[in-house]
């Protein structure tokens, strides 16, 4: 499992949690999407449990490079839904998973959806022909023994596999068990009726943010016992943030390896992230040198974020608050129009800030908050993302 690095002592949470303003910053629905689509058997209550599952699976797996012409497809006529593959030097036929079947079909240039509709013998004939005439000649298989041998992945021979347990181990070195033994843990819940974020909720199948399936692994953790104050709200109360990160991987090629770090103000019951600022993301394709990039780029980046001081973030927010760019209605309209916003959009952005702050926007930070609030109202994802991108560029240019 690796050495667990226990960070600074965890600070006691204020009774009941902290008052936060989730109208500021951006909303991120990635974790909510994962949470919504995961059945109970893909939800884990601790990093130890998650690691044990994906590590055990890895120990029962093997990978090898084989000649496509040496793969034999078998289809039983009394089982029209089942195909088996006989691989070179294999002791028994292997059963491709739904995902692996799609990869295999893609490699030989056959539409998987069409093959799935055919009787097994006919689908087998098509696959056998494709494999026998496959120009690339070699593929890398990934087989797992679990009562029967499943073919979980079929990729190109240079596929750079990063095992799911390797990502979990990298997170464990920062977060221990992910349940509060270090500062990094499964998040709490925002109470919408009071606007209070409570970091201390029971970790259950309904609240956990640690997931794994036969295709992937996904983890989200926060440092929500240690709020960061970066300025004041309109009523004089502190504007509080927490650090958070999520990461993902697929050892069977269903997605890249990736990590995202950010500051946020709250996590709701549906696991939406609210008030997100300073979102940074790294993605690594499973190419030939993927494992090396993970070891020398992604894992160290996560460690740097986890151990870094938030002072740079705080200074950036404060600088954005202090950088006044408009003092009149004409200045405000001119500032937004030069950045590509229409007259109607400019008016709505100014109105958003006026409603929330009780005054029109003056600083870079004011305009950023107004733009992100307007972006939330947009139903078209590309329009929303474009607005959020322009807001981020404003912050990036501060100083």
Protein backbone atom coordinates (compact mmCIF):
# COMPACT_ATOMS: atom_id res chain seq x y z
CA UNK A 1 0.00 0.00 0.00
CA UNK A 2 2.94 2.36 0.52
CA UNK A 3 3.89 4.76 3.28
CA UNK A 4 1.12 6.98 4.62
CA UNK A 5 2.19 10.58 5.19
CA UNK A 6 0.15 12.12 8.00
CA UNK A 7 -0.04 15.87 7.50
CA UNK A 8 -0.62 18.61 10.04
CA UNK A 9 -2.95 17.80 12.95
CA UNK A 10 -6.55 18.11 11.92
CA UNK A 11 -8.16 21.24 13.30
CA UNK A 12 -11.45 20.80 15.16
CA UNK A 13 -14.43 21.94 13.14
CA UNK A 14 -16.61 24.71 14.47
CA UNK A 15 -19.76 23.24 15.99
CA UNK A 16 -22.29 22.91 13.15
CA UNK A 17 -19.82 23.97 10.47
CA UNK A 18 -19.23 27.27 8.69
CA UNK A 19 -21.41 29.80 6.93
CA UNK A 20 -20.47 29.99 3.24
CA UNK A 21 -21.59 31.98 0.21
CA UNK A 22 -22.07 29.52 -2.66
CA UNK A 23 -23.41 32.20 -4.99
CA UNK A 24 -19.79 33.13 -5.68
CA UNK A 25 -17.45 31.18 -7.93
CA UNK A 26 -18.40 28.36 -10.26
CA UNK A 27 -20.45 25.19 -9.88
CA UNK A 28 -18.72 21.94 -10.85
CA UNK A 29 -20.95 18.91 -11.48
CA UNK A 30 -18.29 16.26 -12.21
CA UNK A 31 -18.41 14.63 -8.77
CA UNK A 32 -22.21 14.79 -8.74
CA UNK A 33 -22.33 12.94 -12.05
CA UNK A 34 -20.10 10.20 -10.64
CA UNK A 35 -22.17 10.01 -7.45
CA UNK A 36 -25.46 9.83 -9.34
CA UNK A 37 -24.37 7.04 -11.71
CA UNK A 38 -22.64 4.69 -9.25
CA UNK A 39 -24.51 1.65 -7.91
CA UNK A 40 -23.85 0.57 -4.31
CA UNK A 41 -21.27 -2.05 -5.28
CA UNK A 42 -19.09 0.70 -6.81
CA UNK A 43 -19.12 2.86 -3.65
CA UNK A 44 -16.45 2.51 -0.96
CA UNK A 45 -16.37 3.92 2.57
CA UNK A 46 -12.60 4.27 2.91
CA UNK A 47 -9.45 4.36 0.84
CA UNK A 48 -8.31 1.13 2.50
CA UNK A 49 -11.41 -0.71 1.25
CA UNK A 50 -11.07 0.81 -2.20
CA UNK A 51 -7.37 -0.08 -2.39
CA UNK A 52 -7.98 -3.67 -1.27
CA UNK A 53 -10.55 -4.14 -4.02
CA UNK A 54 -8.55 -2.73 -6.94
CA UNK A 55 -5.24 -4.17 -5.69
CA UNK A 56 -6.74 -7.65 -5.37
CA UNK A 57 -8.14 -7.36 -8.87
CA UNK A 58 -4.73 -6.35 -10.20
CA UNK A 59 -3.06 -9.34 -8.53
CA UNK A 60 -5.48 -11.66 -10.32
CA UNK A 61 -4.74 -10.05 -13.69
CA UNK A 62 -2.18 -10.55 -16.39
CA UNK A 63 -1.27 -8.69 -19.55
CA UNK A 64 0.40 -10.01 -22.69
CA UNK A 65 0.99 -9.10 -26.29
CA UNK A 66 -0.38 -11.59 -28.82
CA UNK A 67 -0.61 -11.90 -32.57
CA UNK A 68 -4.14 -11.12 -33.75
CA UNK A 69 -3.99 -13.93 -36.29
CA UNK A 70 -3.43 -16.40 -33.43
CA UNK A 71 -6.65 -15.46 -31.61
CA UNK A 72 -9.49 -17.90 -32.19
CA UNK A 73 -13.13 -16.85 -31.73
CA UNK A 74 -15.59 -19.46 -30.46
CA UNK A 75 -19.35 -19.09 -30.40
CA UNK A 76 -21.68 -21.74 -28.97
CA UNK A 77 -24.84 -22.13 -31.06
CA UNK A 78 -26.89 -22.77 -27.93
CA UNK A 79 -25.69 -19.48 -26.42
CA UNK A 80 -26.32 -16.71 -28.89
CA UNK A 81 -25.26 -14.00 -26.40
CA UNK A 82 -21.84 -15.42 -25.53
CA UNK A 83 -18.55 -15.36 -27.41
CA UNK A 84 -15.26 -16.79 -26.16
CA UNK A 85 -11.73 -16.09 -27.27
CA UNK A 86 -8.96 -18.65 -27.23
CA UNK A 87 -5.65 -16.83 -26.78
CA UNK A 88 -2.22 -18.29 -27.53
CA UNK A 89 -0.86 -20.40 -24.63
CA UNK A 90 -4.03 -19.77 -22.57
CA UNK A 91 -5.26 -22.63 -20.41
CA UNK A 92 -8.92 -21.88 -21.08
CA UNK A 93 -11.09 -19.61 -23.25
CA UNK A 94 -11.65 -16.05 -22.00
CA UNK A 95 -14.94 -14.14 -21.98
CA UNK A 96 -14.70 -10.52 -23.14
CA UNK A 97 -16.51 -7.95 -21.04
CA UNK A 98 -18.91 -5.53 -22.71
CA UNK A 99 -16.11 -2.95 -22.77
CA UNK A 100 -13.46 -5.33 -24.13
CA UNK A 101 -15.83 -6.53 -26.85
CA UNK A 102 -16.23 -2.92 -27.98
CA UNK A 103 -12.45 -2.42 -28.01
CA UNK A 104 -11.96 -5.60 -30.00
CA UNK A 105 -14.56 -4.58 -32.55
CA UNK A 106 -12.97 -1.14 -32.87
CA UNK A 107 -9.52 -2.61 -33.43
CA UNK A 108 -10.72 -4.77 -36.34
CA UNK A 109 -12.84 -1.94 -37.75
CA UNK A 110 -16.27 -3.44 -37.07
CA UNK A 111 -19.20 -1.55 -35.49
CA UNK A 112 -19.71 -3.09 -32.03
CA UNK A 113 -23.39 -2.13 -31.89
CA UNK A 114 -24.02 -4.04 -35.12
CA UNK A 115 -22.08 -7.13 -34.00
CA UNK A 116 -24.03 -7.28 -30.72
CA UNK A 117 -27.26 -7.60 -32.68
CA UNK A 118 -26.04 -10.63 -34.66
CA UNK A 119 -26.34 -14.27 -33.59
CA UNK A 120 -23.15 -15.31 -31.82
CA UNK A 121 -21.89 -17.59 -34.62
CA UNK A 122 -22.27 -14.84 -37.23
CA UNK A 123 -20.67 -12.21 -34.95
CA UNK A 124 -17.83 -14.67 -34.33
CA UNK A 125 -17.23 -15.15 -38.06
CA UNK A 126 -16.98 -11.39 -38.57
CA UNK A 127 -14.58 -10.96 -35.64
CA UNK A 128 -12.44 -13.90 -36.74
CA UNK A 129 -12.12 -12.47 -40.23
CA UNK A 130 -11.16 -9.06 -38.82
CA UNK A 131 -8.54 -10.53 -36.50
CA UNK A 132 -7.03 -12.70 -39.21
CA UNK A 133 -6.68 -9.73 -41.54
CA UNK A 134 -5.75 -7.09 -38.95
CA UNK A 135 -2.84 -5.09 -40.40
CA UNK A 136 -1.37 -4.04 -37.02
CA UNK A 137 -0.83 -7.76 -36.24
CA UNK A 138 -0.42 -7.39 -32.46
CA UNK A 139 -2.67 -6.40 -29.55
CA UNK A 140 -2.18 -6.24 -25.77
CA UNK A 141 -4.73 -8.18 -23.73
CA UNK A 142 -5.62 -7.70 -20.07
CA UNK A 143 -7.23 -10.71 -18.42
CA UNK A 144 -8.57 -11.04 -14.87
CA UNK A 145 -9.38 -14.25 -13.03
CA UNK A 146 -12.46 -14.04 -10.81
CA UNK A 147 -14.22 -17.39 -10.84
CA UNK A 148 -13.81 -17.34 -14.60
CA UNK A 149 -11.24 -15.59 -16.75
CA UNK A 150 -12.52 -12.32 -18.20
CA UNK A 151 -10.90 -10.36 -20.97
CA UNK A 152 -11.21 -6.83 -19.58
CA UNK A 153 -9.26 -4.91 -22.20
CA UNK A 154 -7.83 -5.21 -25.70
CA UNK A 155 -5.50 -2.34 -26.66
CA UNK A 156 -2.61 -1.57 -28.95
CA UNK A 157 0.72 -3.18 -28.06
CA UNK A 158 2.20 0.13 -26.81
CA UNK A 159 -0.65 0.90 -24.40
CA UNK A 160 0.90 2.31 -21.20
CA UNK A 161 -1.20 0.82 -18.41
CA UNK A 162 -1.39 2.66 -15.09
CA UNK A 163 -3.14 0.36 -12.65
CA UNK A 164 -6.04 1.73 -10.64
CA UNK A 165 -4.38 0.73 -7.36
CA UNK A 166 -1.34 2.90 -8.24
CA UNK A 167 -3.51 6.00 -8.27
CA UNK A 168 -5.21 5.00 -5.01
CA UNK A 169 -1.82 4.47 -3.38
CA UNK A 170 -0.68 7.94 -4.46
CA UNK A 171 -3.75 9.41 -2.78
CA UNK A 172 -3.26 7.28 0.35
CA UNK A 173 0.19 8.76 0.84
CA UNK A 174 -1.55 12.11 1.29
CA UNK A 175 -4.89 11.17 2.78
CA UNK A 176 -4.38 8.01 4.82
CA UNK A 177 -7.72 6.26 4.93
CA UNK A 178 -9.64 9.30 3.62
CA UNK A 179 -11.95 9.27 6.65
CA UNK A 180 -10.33 11.98 8.78
CA UNK A 181 -7.03 10.51 9.97
CA UNK A 182 -5.31 13.29 7.98
CA UNK A 183 -6.61 16.65 6.85
CA UNK A 184 -7.90 15.10 3.58
CA UNK A 185 -11.25 13.32 3.83
CA UNK A 186 -14.59 12.51 2.22
CA UNK A 187 -16.53 15.82 2.18
CA UNK A 188 -19.34 16.97 4.40
CA UNK A 189 -22.67 18.44 3.32
CA UNK A 190 -24.12 21.91 2.77
CA UNK A 191 -27.40 22.72 4.51
CA UNK A 192 -29.25 24.82 1.94
CA UNK A 193 -31.74 26.14 4.49
CA UNK A 194 -29.03 27.83 6.57
CA UNK A 195 -26.13 28.19 4.12
CA UNK A 196 -23.91 26.33 6.61
CA UNK A 197 -21.42 23.75 5.39
CA UNK A 198 -20.94 20.92 7.90
CA UNK A 199 -17.71 18.94 7.35
CA UNK A 200 -18.66 16.22 9.82
CA UNK A 201 -21.21 13.83 8.36
CA UNK A 202 -21.27 10.05 8.56
CA UNK A 203 -19.58 8.39 5.60
CA UNK A 204 -22.15 6.09 4.02
CA UNK A 205 -23.03 4.71 0.60
CA UNK A 206 -25.06 7.89 0.09
CA UNK A 207 -22.30 10.33 1.02
CA UNK A 208 -19.04 8.69 -0.04
CA UNK A 209 -17.00 10.05 -2.93
CA UNK A 210 -14.72 7.01 -3.38
CA UNK A 211 -15.71 4.89 -6.38
CA UNK A 212 -14.46 2.00 -8.49
CA UNK A 213 -15.99 -0.19 -11.19
CA UNK A 214 -14.64 -2.86 -13.51
CA UNK A 215 -13.69 -0.02 -15.85
CA UNK A 216 -12.37 2.80 -13.65
CA UNK A 217 -11.67 4.42 -10.30
CA UNK A 218 -12.67 7.93 -9.13
CA UNK A 219 -11.83 9.70 -5.85
CA UNK A 220 -12.77 13.11 -4.44
CA UNK A 221 -11.44 14.47 -1.15
CA UNK A 222 -11.42 17.83 0.63
CA UNK A 223 -9.55 19.60 3.40
CA UNK A 224 -12.75 20.91 4.97
CA UNK A 225 -11.64 21.11 8.61
CA UNK A 226 -9.29 23.96 7.72
CA UNK A 227 -11.19 26.84 6.08
CA UNK A 228 -9.26 29.55 4.24
CA UNK A 229 -10.39 33.15 4.58
CA UNK A 230 -9.86 35.21 1.43
CA UNK A 231 -11.56 38.52 1.99
CA UNK A 232 -14.97 39.50 3.30
CA UNK A 233 -18.53 39.21 2.08
CA UNK A 234 -20.86 42.14 1.65
CA UNK A 235 -22.15 41.73 5.22
CA UNK A 236 -18.62 41.75 6.64
CA UNK A 237 -18.46 38.01 7.37
CA UNK A 238 -15.44 36.02 6.09
CA UNK A 239 -15.49 34.54 2.60
CA UNK A 240 -14.41 30.97 3.34
CA UNK A 241 -12.91 28.38 1.03
CA UNK A 242 -11.63 24.82 1.34
CA UNK A 243 -9.09 22.94 -0.74
CA UNK A 244 -10.23 19.94 -2.75
CA UNK A 245 -9.12 17.57 -5.47
CA UNK A 246 -10.47 14.68 -7.50
CA UNK A 247 -8.68 12.15 -9.66
CA UNK A 248 -9.59 9.29 -11.95
CA UNK A 249 -8.10 6.45 -13.96
CA UNK A 250 -9.03 3.46 -16.08
CA UNK A 251 -6.61 0.58 -16.34
CA UNK A 252 -8.65 -0.85 -19.23
CA UNK A 253 -8.52 2.24 -21.45
CA UNK A 254 -12.01 3.63 -20.81
CA UNK A 255 -10.58 7.06 -19.94
CA UNK A 256 -7.34 8.91 -19.33
CA UNK A 257 -5.65 9.30 -15.98
CA UNK A 258 -6.40 12.73 -14.60
CA UNK A 259 -6.27 14.96 -11.55
CA UNK A 260 -7.97 18.25 -10.79
CA UNK A 261 -7.23 20.58 -7.86
CA UNK A 262 -9.23 23.63 -6.82
CA UNK A 263 -10.65 25.73 -4.02
CA UNK A 264 -14.34 25.47 -3.22
CA UNK A 265 -16.84 26.80 -0.74
CA UNK A 266 -19.15 23.81 -0.21
CA UNK A 267 -20.34 20.38 -1.34
CA UNK A 268 -24.07 19.73 -1.37
CA UNK A 269 -25.92 16.49 -0.68
CA UNK A 270 -25.96 15.67 -4.41
CA UNK A 271 -22.17 16.12 -4.41
CA UNK A 272 -22.17 19.22 -6.58
CA UNK A 273 -19.18 21.46 -5.87
CA UNK A 274 -20.11 25.07 -5.20
CA UNK A 275 -18.07 28.26 -5.24
CA UNK A 276 -15.17 26.70 -7.13
CA UNK A 277 -12.11 28.87 -7.84
CA UNK A 278 -8.63 28.24 -9.27
CA UNK A 279 -9.53 24.99 -11.05
CA UNK A 280 -6.41 23.25 -12.44
CA UNK A 281 -6.38 19.93 -14.30
CA UNK A 282 -3.80 17.42 -15.52
CA UNK A 283 -4.61 14.60 -17.98
CA UNK A 284 -2.31 11.77 -19.04
CA UNK A 285 -3.12 9.49 -21.96
CA UNK A 286 -2.18 5.85 -21.57
CA UNK A 287 0.57 6.08 -24.16
CA UNK A 288 3.86 4.20 -24.09
CA UNK A 289 5.42 6.38 -21.36
CA UNK A 290 2.28 7.00 -19.30
CA UNK A 291 3.58 5.25 -16.19
CA UNK A 292 6.70 7.43 -16.19
CA UNK A 293 4.63 10.61 -16.60
CA UNK A 294 2.40 9.55 -13.72
CA UNK A 295 5.41 8.98 -11.46
CA UNK A 296 7.26 12.16 -12.44
CA UNK A 297 4.46 14.60 -13.23
CA UNK A 298 0.97 13.82 -11.97
CA UNK A 299 1.67 12.29 -8.54
CA UNK A 300 4.17 15.04 -7.57
CA UNK A 301 1.72 17.73 -8.72
CA UNK A 302 -0.94 16.29 -6.42
CA UNK A 303 1.54 16.18 -3.53
CA UNK A 304 2.57 19.80 -4.13
CA UNK A 305 -1.02 20.97 -4.04
CA UNK A 306 -1.84 18.92 -0.94
CA UNK A 307 1.15 20.26 0.99
CA UNK A 308 1.30 23.79 -0.38
CA UNK A 309 0.36 26.96 1.42
CA UNK A 310 -2.87 28.60 0.23
CA UNK A 311 -1.28 32.04 0.60
CA UNK A 312 -0.76 32.45 -3.13
CA UNK A 313 -4.47 31.80 -3.72
CA UNK A 314 -5.45 34.21 -0.93
CA UNK A 315 -3.14 36.91 -2.27
CA UNK A 316 -4.59 36.47 -5.77
CA UNK A 317 -8.17 36.87 -4.52
CA UNK A 318 -7.23 39.91 -2.46
CA UNK A 319 -5.39 41.47 -5.40
CA UNK A 320 -8.44 40.92 -7.60
CA UNK A 321 -10.62 42.62 -4.99
CA UNK A 322 -8.27 45.58 -4.77
CA UNK A 323 -7.74 46.11 -8.50
CA UNK A 324 -10.40 48.69 -9.35
CA UNK A 325 -11.17 48.85 -13.07
CA UNK A 326 -14.46 50.74 -13.20
CA UNK A 327 -15.93 53.60 -11.18
CA UNK A 328 -18.80 54.69 -13.41
CA UNK A 329 -21.55 53.02 -15.41
CA UNK A 330 -19.72 53.97 -18.59
CA UNK A 331 -16.51 52.34 -17.31
CA UNK A 332 -18.35 49.18 -16.39
CA UNK A 333 -20.05 48.83 -19.73
CA UNK A 334 -16.83 49.62 -21.58
CA UNK A 335 -14.84 47.06 -19.54
CA UNK A 336 -17.26 44.24 -20.37
CA UNK A 337 -17.84 45.18 -24.01
CA UNK A 338 -14.07 45.12 -24.66
CA UNK A 339 -14.05 41.54 -23.38
CA UNK A 340 -16.65 40.32 -25.83
CA UNK A 341 -19.86 40.65 -23.85
CA UNK A 342 -22.93 42.02 -25.57
CA UNK A 343 -24.78 45.04 -24.27
CA UNK A 344 -27.52 42.79 -22.85
CA UNK A 345 -25.00 40.46 -21.18
CA UNK A 346 -23.10 43.39 -19.73
CA UNK A 347 -26.28 44.75 -18.19
CA UNK A 348 -27.11 41.36 -16.65
CA UNK A 349 -23.60 40.95 -15.22
CA UNK A 350 -23.77 44.36 -13.56
CA UNK A 351 -27.26 43.54 -12.28
CA UNK A 352 -26.04 40.25 -10.76
CA UNK A 353 -23.35 42.01 -8.75
CA UNK A 354 -25.71 44.77 -7.70
CA UNK A 355 -28.21 42.24 -6.37
CA UNK A 356 -25.63 40.22 -4.46
CA UNK A 357 -23.28 42.94 -3.21
CA UNK A 358 -25.67 45.87 -2.90
CA UNK A 359 -23.43 47.95 -5.16
CA UNK A 360 -22.31 47.88 -8.82
CA UNK A 361 -19.06 46.09 -9.76
CA UNK A 362 -15.79 47.98 -9.42
CA UNK A 363 -12.95 45.46 -9.03
CA UNK A 364 -11.74 42.58 -11.19
CA UNK A 365 -13.14 40.22 -8.55
CA UNK A 366 -16.59 41.85 -8.75
CA UNK A 367 -16.73 41.35 -12.50
CA UNK A 368 -15.50 37.75 -12.25
CA UNK A 369 -18.26 36.94 -9.76
CA UNK A 370 -20.90 38.60 -11.93
CA UNK A 371 -19.77 36.71 -15.03
CA UNK A 372 -19.77 33.32 -13.27
CA UNK A 373 -23.23 33.97 -11.82
CA UNK A 374 -24.58 34.80 -15.27
CA UNK A 375 -22.87 31.68 -16.67
CA UNK A 376 -24.90 29.52 -14.29
CA UNK A 377 -28.09 30.78 -15.92
CA UNK A 378 -27.02 29.55 -19.35
CA UNK A 379 -28.53 26.26 -20.49
CA UNK A 380 -26.10 25.76 -23.39
CA UNK A 381 -22.95 24.13 -22.03
CA UNK A 382 -20.62 25.67 -24.60
CA UNK A 383 -21.89 29.18 -23.80
CA UNK A 384 -21.57 28.55 -20.06
CA UNK A 385 -18.04 27.19 -20.39
CA UNK A 386 -17.02 30.10 -22.60
CA UNK A 387 -18.20 32.61 -19.98
CA UNK A 388 -16.49 30.73 -17.17
CA UNK A 389 -13.30 30.65 -19.23
CA UNK A 390 -13.38 34.40 -19.76
CA UNK A 391 -13.92 34.92 -16.04
CA UNK A 392 -10.89 32.76 -15.25
CA UNK A 393 -8.74 34.72 -17.71
CA UNK A 394 -9.59 37.93 -15.84
CA UNK A 395 -8.32 36.43 -12.58
CA UNK A 396 -5.23 35.01 -14.28
CA UNK A 397 -4.26 38.48 -15.48
CA UNK A 398 -4.38 40.07 -12.04
CA UNK A 399 -1.00 41.41 -11.08
